PDB file of all heavy atoms in Angstrom:
ATOM      1  N   GLY A   1      95.289 116.618 115.017  1.00  0.00           N
ATOM      2  CA  GLY A   1      95.992 116.741 113.774  1.00  0.00           C
ATOM      3  C   GLY A   1      97.240 117.310 113.757  1.00  0.00           C
ATOM      4  O   GLY A   1      97.987 117.370 112.810  1.00  0.00           O
ATOM      5  N   ASP A   2      97.766 117.955 114.923  1.00  0.00           N
ATOM      6  CA  ASP A   2      99.090 118.452 115.038  1.00  0.00           C
ATOM      7  C   ASP A   2     100.181 117.481 114.892  1.00  0.00           C
ATOM      8  O   ASP A   2     100.081 116.463 115.745  1.00  0.00           O
ATOM      9  CB  ASP A   2      99.223 119.219 116.370  1.00  0.00           C
ATOM     10  CG  ASP A   2      98.715 120.646 116.422  1.00  0.00           C
ATOM     11  OD1 ASP A   2      98.458 121.135 115.200  1.00  0.00           O
ATOM     12  OD2 ASP A   2      98.540 121.234 117.374  1.00  0.00           O
ATOM     13  N   ALA A   3     101.202 117.675 114.190  1.00  0.00           N
ATOM     14  CA  ALA A   3     102.317 116.898 114.170  1.00  0.00           C
ATOM     15  C   ALA A   3     103.153 117.193 115.307  1.00  0.00           C
ATOM     16  O   ALA A   3     103.354 118.484 115.559  1.00  0.00           O
ATOM     17  CB  ALA A   3     103.165 116.988 112.896  1.00  0.00           C
ATOM     18  N   MET A   4     103.525 116.216 116.142  1.00  0.00           N
ATOM     19  CA  MET A   4     104.310 116.551 117.310  1.00  0.00           C
ATOM     20  C   MET A   4     105.764 115.871 117.273  1.00  0.00           C
ATOM     21  O   MET A   4     105.896 114.979 116.450  1.00  0.00           O
ATOM     22  CB  MET A   4     103.665 116.064 118.577  1.00  0.00           C
ATOM     23  CG  MET A   4     102.267 116.727 118.899  1.00  0.00           C
ATOM     24  SD  MET A   4     102.557 118.423 119.442  1.00  0.00           S
ATOM     25  CE  MET A   4     103.377 118.281 120.981  1.00  0.00           C
ATOM     26  N   GLY A   5     106.790 116.401 118.028  1.00  0.00           N
ATOM     27  CA  GLY A   5     108.056 115.954 117.802  1.00  0.00           C
ATOM     28  C   GLY A   5     108.715 115.976 119.177  1.00  0.00           C
ATOM     29  O   GLY A   5     108.404 116.701 120.117  1.00  0.00           O
ATOM     30  N   TRP A   6     109.827 115.289 119.266  1.00  0.00           N
ATOM     31  CA  TRP A   6     110.751 115.323 120.364  1.00  0.00           C
ATOM     32  C   TRP A   6     112.007 115.970 119.790  1.00  0.00           C
ATOM     33  O   TRP A   6     112.415 115.728 118.634  1.00  0.00           O
ATOM     34  CB  TRP A   6     111.039 113.844 120.914  1.00  0.00           C
ATOM     35  CG  TRP A   6     110.002 113.421 121.821  1.00  0.00           C
ATOM     36  CD1 TRP A   6     109.012 112.547 121.528  1.00  0.00           C
ATOM     37  CD2 TRP A   6     109.973 113.668 123.286  1.00  0.00           C
ATOM     38  NE1 TRP A   6     108.296 112.310 122.716  1.00  0.00           N
ATOM     39  CE2 TRP A   6     108.870 112.918 123.754  1.00  0.00           C
ATOM     40  CE3 TRP A   6     110.749 114.310 124.219  1.00  0.00           C
ATOM     41  CZ2 TRP A   6     108.491 112.995 125.153  1.00  0.00           C
ATOM     42  CZ3 TRP A   6     110.358 114.417 125.477  1.00  0.00           C
ATOM     43  CH2 TRP A   6     109.251 113.753 126.052  1.00  0.00           C
ATOM     44  N   TYR A   7     112.551 116.785 120.592  1.00  0.00           N
ATOM     45  CA  TYR A   7     113.803 117.439 120.359  1.00  0.00           C
ATOM     46  C   TYR A   7     114.697 117.251 121.387  1.00  0.00           C
ATOM     47  O   TYR A   7     114.361 116.915 122.504  1.00  0.00           O
ATOM     48  CB  TYR A   7     113.483 118.978 120.269  1.00  0.00           C
ATOM     49  CG  TYR A   7     112.428 119.457 119.212  1.00  0.00           C
ATOM     50  CD1 TYR A   7     111.117 119.254 119.503  1.00  0.00           C
ATOM     51  CD2 TYR A   7     112.803 120.173 118.145  1.00  0.00           C
ATOM     52  CE1 TYR A   7     110.155 119.553 118.674  1.00  0.00           C
ATOM     53  CE2 TYR A   7     111.821 120.515 117.255  1.00  0.00           C
ATOM     54  CZ  TYR A   7     110.499 120.468 117.525  1.00  0.00           C
ATOM     55  OH  TYR A   7     109.510 120.727 116.624  1.00  0.00           O
ATOM     56  N   ARG A   8     116.063 117.466 121.051  1.00  0.00           N
ATOM     57  CA  ARG A   8     117.024 117.339 122.096  1.00  0.00           C
ATOM     58  C   ARG A   8     118.102 118.416 121.915  1.00  0.00           C
ATOM     59  O   ARG A   8     118.385 118.836 120.700  1.00  0.00           O
ATOM     60  CB  ARG A   8     117.640 115.983 122.277  1.00  0.00           C
ATOM     61  CG  ARG A   8     118.625 115.505 121.163  1.00  0.00           C
ATOM     62  CD  ARG A   8     118.956 114.114 121.303  1.00  0.00           C
ATOM     63  NE  ARG A   8     119.984 113.676 120.244  1.00  0.00           N
ATOM     64  CZ  ARG A   8     120.449 112.363 120.104  1.00  0.00           C
ATOM     65  NH1 ARG A   8     119.845 111.493 120.919  1.00  0.00           N
ATOM     66  NH2 ARG A   8     121.238 112.032 119.074  1.00  0.00           N
ATOM     67  N   GLN A   9     118.666 118.803 122.947  1.00  0.00           N
ATOM     68  CA  GLN A   9     119.845 119.818 122.940  1.00  0.00           C
ATOM     69  C   GLN A   9     120.961 119.267 123.753  1.00  0.00           C
ATOM     70  O   GLN A   9     120.899 119.131 124.974  1.00  0.00           O
ATOM     71  CB  GLN A   9     119.268 121.150 123.596  1.00  0.00           C
ATOM     72  CG  GLN A   9     120.360 122.252 123.430  1.00  0.00           C
ATOM     73  CD  GLN A   9     119.738 123.578 123.685  1.00  0.00           C
ATOM     74  OE1 GLN A   9     118.730 123.807 124.352  1.00  0.00           O
ATOM     75  NE2 GLN A   9     120.390 124.727 123.348  1.00  0.00           N
ATOM     76  N   SER A  10     122.003 118.989 123.108  1.00  0.00           N
ATOM     77  CA  SER A  10     123.343 118.481 123.789  1.00  0.00           C
ATOM     78  C   SER A  10     124.080 119.669 124.170  1.00  0.00           C
ATOM     79  O   SER A  10     123.943 120.848 123.635  1.00  0.00           O
ATOM     80  CB  SER A  10     124.057 117.616 122.829  1.00  0.00           C
ATOM     81  OG  SER A  10     123.328 116.584 122.347  1.00  0.00           O
ATOM     82  N   PRO A  11     124.944 119.543 125.210  1.00  0.00           N
ATOM     83  CA  PRO A  11     125.762 120.691 125.750  1.00  0.00           C
ATOM     84  C   PRO A  11     126.471 121.318 124.500  1.00  0.00           C
ATOM     85  O   PRO A  11     127.122 120.728 123.732  1.00  0.00           O
ATOM     86  CB  PRO A  11     126.713 119.890 126.558  1.00  0.00           C
ATOM     87  CG  PRO A  11     125.974 118.763 127.110  1.00  0.00           C
ATOM     88  CD  PRO A  11     125.246 118.266 125.871  1.00  0.00           C
ATOM     89  N   GLY A  12     126.230 122.654 124.443  1.00  0.00           N
ATOM     90  CA  GLY A  12     126.966 123.466 123.449  1.00  0.00           C
ATOM     91  C   GLY A  12     126.483 123.379 122.038  1.00  0.00           C
ATOM     92  O   GLY A  12     127.065 123.879 121.085  1.00  0.00           O
ATOM     93  N   LYS A  13     125.422 122.711 121.921  1.00  0.00           N
ATOM     94  CA  LYS A  13     124.777 122.608 120.583  1.00  0.00           C
ATOM     95  C   LYS A  13     123.273 122.999 120.630  1.00  0.00           C
ATOM     96  O   LYS A  13     122.631 123.367 121.463  1.00  0.00           O
ATOM     97  CB  LYS A  13     124.800 121.053 120.213  1.00  0.00           C
ATOM     98  CG  LYS A  13     126.170 120.540 120.078  1.00  0.00           C
ATOM     99  CD  LYS A  13     125.963 119.037 119.527  1.00  0.00           C
ATOM    100  CE  LYS A  13     127.506 118.479 119.283  1.00  0.00           C
ATOM    101  NZ  LYS A  13     127.548 117.078 118.791  1.00  0.00           N
ATOM    102  N   GLN A  14     122.802 123.264 119.344  1.00  0.00           N
ATOM    103  CA  GLN A  14     121.397 123.690 119.133  1.00  0.00           C
ATOM    104  C   GLN A  14     120.443 122.608 119.403  1.00  0.00           C
ATOM    105  O   GLN A  14     120.713 121.417 119.214  1.00  0.00           O
ATOM    106  CB  GLN A  14     121.268 124.256 117.671  1.00  0.00           C
ATOM    107  CG  GLN A  14     121.979 125.606 117.384  1.00  0.00           C
ATOM    108  CD  GLN A  14     121.596 126.178 116.074  1.00  0.00           C
ATOM    109  OE1 GLN A  14     121.284 125.499 115.163  1.00  0.00           O
ATOM    110  NE2 GLN A  14     121.536 127.526 116.081  1.00  0.00           N
ATOM    111  N   ARG A  15     119.248 123.029 119.747  1.00  0.00           N
ATOM    112  CA  ARG A  15     118.176 122.117 119.926  1.00  0.00           C
ATOM    113  C   ARG A  15     117.802 121.551 118.513  1.00  0.00           C
ATOM    114  O   ARG A  15     117.511 122.460 117.581  1.00  0.00           O
ATOM    115  CB  ARG A  15     117.046 122.807 120.606  1.00  0.00           C
ATOM    116  CG  ARG A  15     115.755 121.815 120.802  1.00  0.00           C
ATOM    117  CD  ARG A  15     114.842 122.508 121.901  1.00  0.00           C
ATOM    118  NE  ARG A  15     114.643 123.807 121.786  1.00  0.00           N
ATOM    119  CZ  ARG A  15     114.220 124.620 122.760  1.00  0.00           C
ATOM    120  NH1 ARG A  15     114.114 124.127 124.033  1.00  0.00           N
ATOM    121  NH2 ARG A  15     114.071 125.928 122.472  1.00  0.00           N
ATOM    122  N   ILE A  16     117.540 120.279 118.407  1.00  0.00           N
ATOM    123  CA  ILE A  16     117.155 119.621 116.931  1.00  0.00           C
ATOM    124  C   ILE A  16     116.195 118.623 117.172  1.00  0.00           C
ATOM    125  O   ILE A  16     116.026 118.092 118.220  1.00  0.00           O
ATOM    126  CB  ILE A  16     118.357 118.960 116.406  1.00  0.00           C
ATOM    127  CG1 ILE A  16     119.024 117.813 117.238  1.00  0.00           C
ATOM    128  CG2 ILE A  16     119.534 120.053 116.008  1.00  0.00           C
ATOM    129  CD1 ILE A  16     119.954 116.974 116.543  1.00  0.00           C
ATOM    130  N   PRO A  17     115.238 118.654 116.161  1.00  0.00           N
ATOM    131  CA  PRO A  17     114.214 117.475 116.276  1.00  0.00           C
ATOM    132  C   PRO A  17     114.936 116.141 115.909  1.00  0.00           C
ATOM    133  O   PRO A  17     115.673 116.056 115.109  1.00  0.00           O
ATOM    134  CB  PRO A  17     113.250 118.057 115.121  1.00  0.00           C
ATOM    135  CG  PRO A  17     114.127 118.663 114.126  1.00  0.00           C
ATOM    136  CD  PRO A  17     115.209 119.354 115.041  1.00  0.00           C
ATOM    137  N   ILE A  18     114.368 115.115 116.651  1.00  0.00           N
ATOM    138  CA  ILE A  18     114.953 113.778 116.542  1.00  0.00           C
ATOM    139  C   ILE A  18     113.869 112.892 116.034  1.00  0.00           C
ATOM    140  O   ILE A  18     114.164 111.802 115.587  1.00  0.00           O
ATOM    141  CB  ILE A  18     115.687 113.357 117.729  1.00  0.00           C
ATOM    142  CG1 ILE A  18     114.756 113.294 118.970  1.00  0.00           C
ATOM    143  CG2 ILE A  18     116.884 114.246 118.004  1.00  0.00           C
ATOM    144  CD1 ILE A  18     115.319 112.540 120.096  1.00  0.00           C
ATOM    145  N   ALA A  19     112.705 113.074 116.450  1.00  0.00           N
ATOM    146  CA  ALA A  19     111.521 112.195 116.190  1.00  0.00           C
ATOM    147  C   ALA A  19     110.360 112.881 115.996  1.00  0.00           C
ATOM    148  O   ALA A  19     110.042 113.802 116.771  1.00  0.00           O
ATOM    149  CB  ALA A  19     111.479 111.052 117.248  1.00  0.00           C
ATOM    150  N   THR A  20     109.412 112.580 115.068  1.00  0.00           N
ATOM    151  CA  THR A  20     108.164 113.240 114.746  1.00  0.00           C
ATOM    152  C   THR A  20     107.101 112.222 114.562  1.00  0.00           C
ATOM    153  O   THR A  20     107.414 111.090 114.069  1.00  0.00           O
ATOM    154  CB  THR A  20     108.376 114.207 113.595  1.00  0.00           C
ATOM    155  OG1 THR A  20     108.641 113.516 112.448  1.00  0.00           O
ATOM    156  CG2 THR A  20     109.402 115.145 113.784  1.00  0.00           C
ATOM    157  N   ILE A  21     105.798 112.740 114.965  1.00  0.00           N
ATOM    158  CA  ILE A  21     104.706 111.864 114.635  1.00  0.00           C
ATOM    159  C   ILE A  21     103.590 112.775 114.154  1.00  0.00           C
ATOM    160  O   ILE A  21     103.292 113.786 114.692  1.00  0.00           O
ATOM    161  CB  ILE A  21     104.347 111.078 115.857  1.00  0.00           C
ATOM    162  CG1 ILE A  21     103.119 110.120 115.700  1.00  0.00           C
ATOM    163  CG2 ILE A  21     103.905 111.942 117.051  1.00  0.00           C
ATOM    164  CD1 ILE A  21     102.921 109.162 116.718  1.00  0.00           C
ATOM    165  N   THR A  22     102.975 112.397 113.092  1.00  0.00           N
ATOM    166  CA  THR A  22     101.769 113.139 112.508  1.00  0.00           C
ATOM    167  C   THR A  22     100.567 112.851 113.366  1.00  0.00           C
ATOM    168  O   THR A  22     100.567 111.864 114.035  1.00  0.00           O
ATOM    169  CB  THR A  22     101.589 112.851 111.009  1.00  0.00           C
ATOM    170  OG1 THR A  22     101.130 111.558 110.914  1.00  0.00           O
ATOM    171  CG2 THR A  22     102.855 113.046 110.330  1.00  0.00           C
ATOM    172  N   GLY A  23      99.532 113.592 113.035  1.00  0.00           N
ATOM    173  CA  GLY A  23      98.225 113.240 113.642  1.00  0.00           C
ATOM    174  C   GLY A  23      97.685 111.960 113.271  1.00  0.00           C
ATOM    175  O   GLY A  23      97.105 111.270 114.065  1.00  0.00           O
ATOM    176  N   GLY A  24      98.160 111.401 112.190  1.00  0.00           N
ATOM    177  CA  GLY A  24      97.715 110.036 111.635  1.00  0.00           C
ATOM    178  C   GLY A  24      98.571 108.928 112.082  1.00  0.00           C
ATOM    179  O   GLY A  24      98.310 107.753 111.817  1.00  0.00           O
TER     180      GLY A  24
END
């Protein structure tokens, strides 16, 4: 049931979520 996501961190920038998927 956990929603999971992919995050990315570009040089000099903060890590941000870019794609998410729910348990469903």
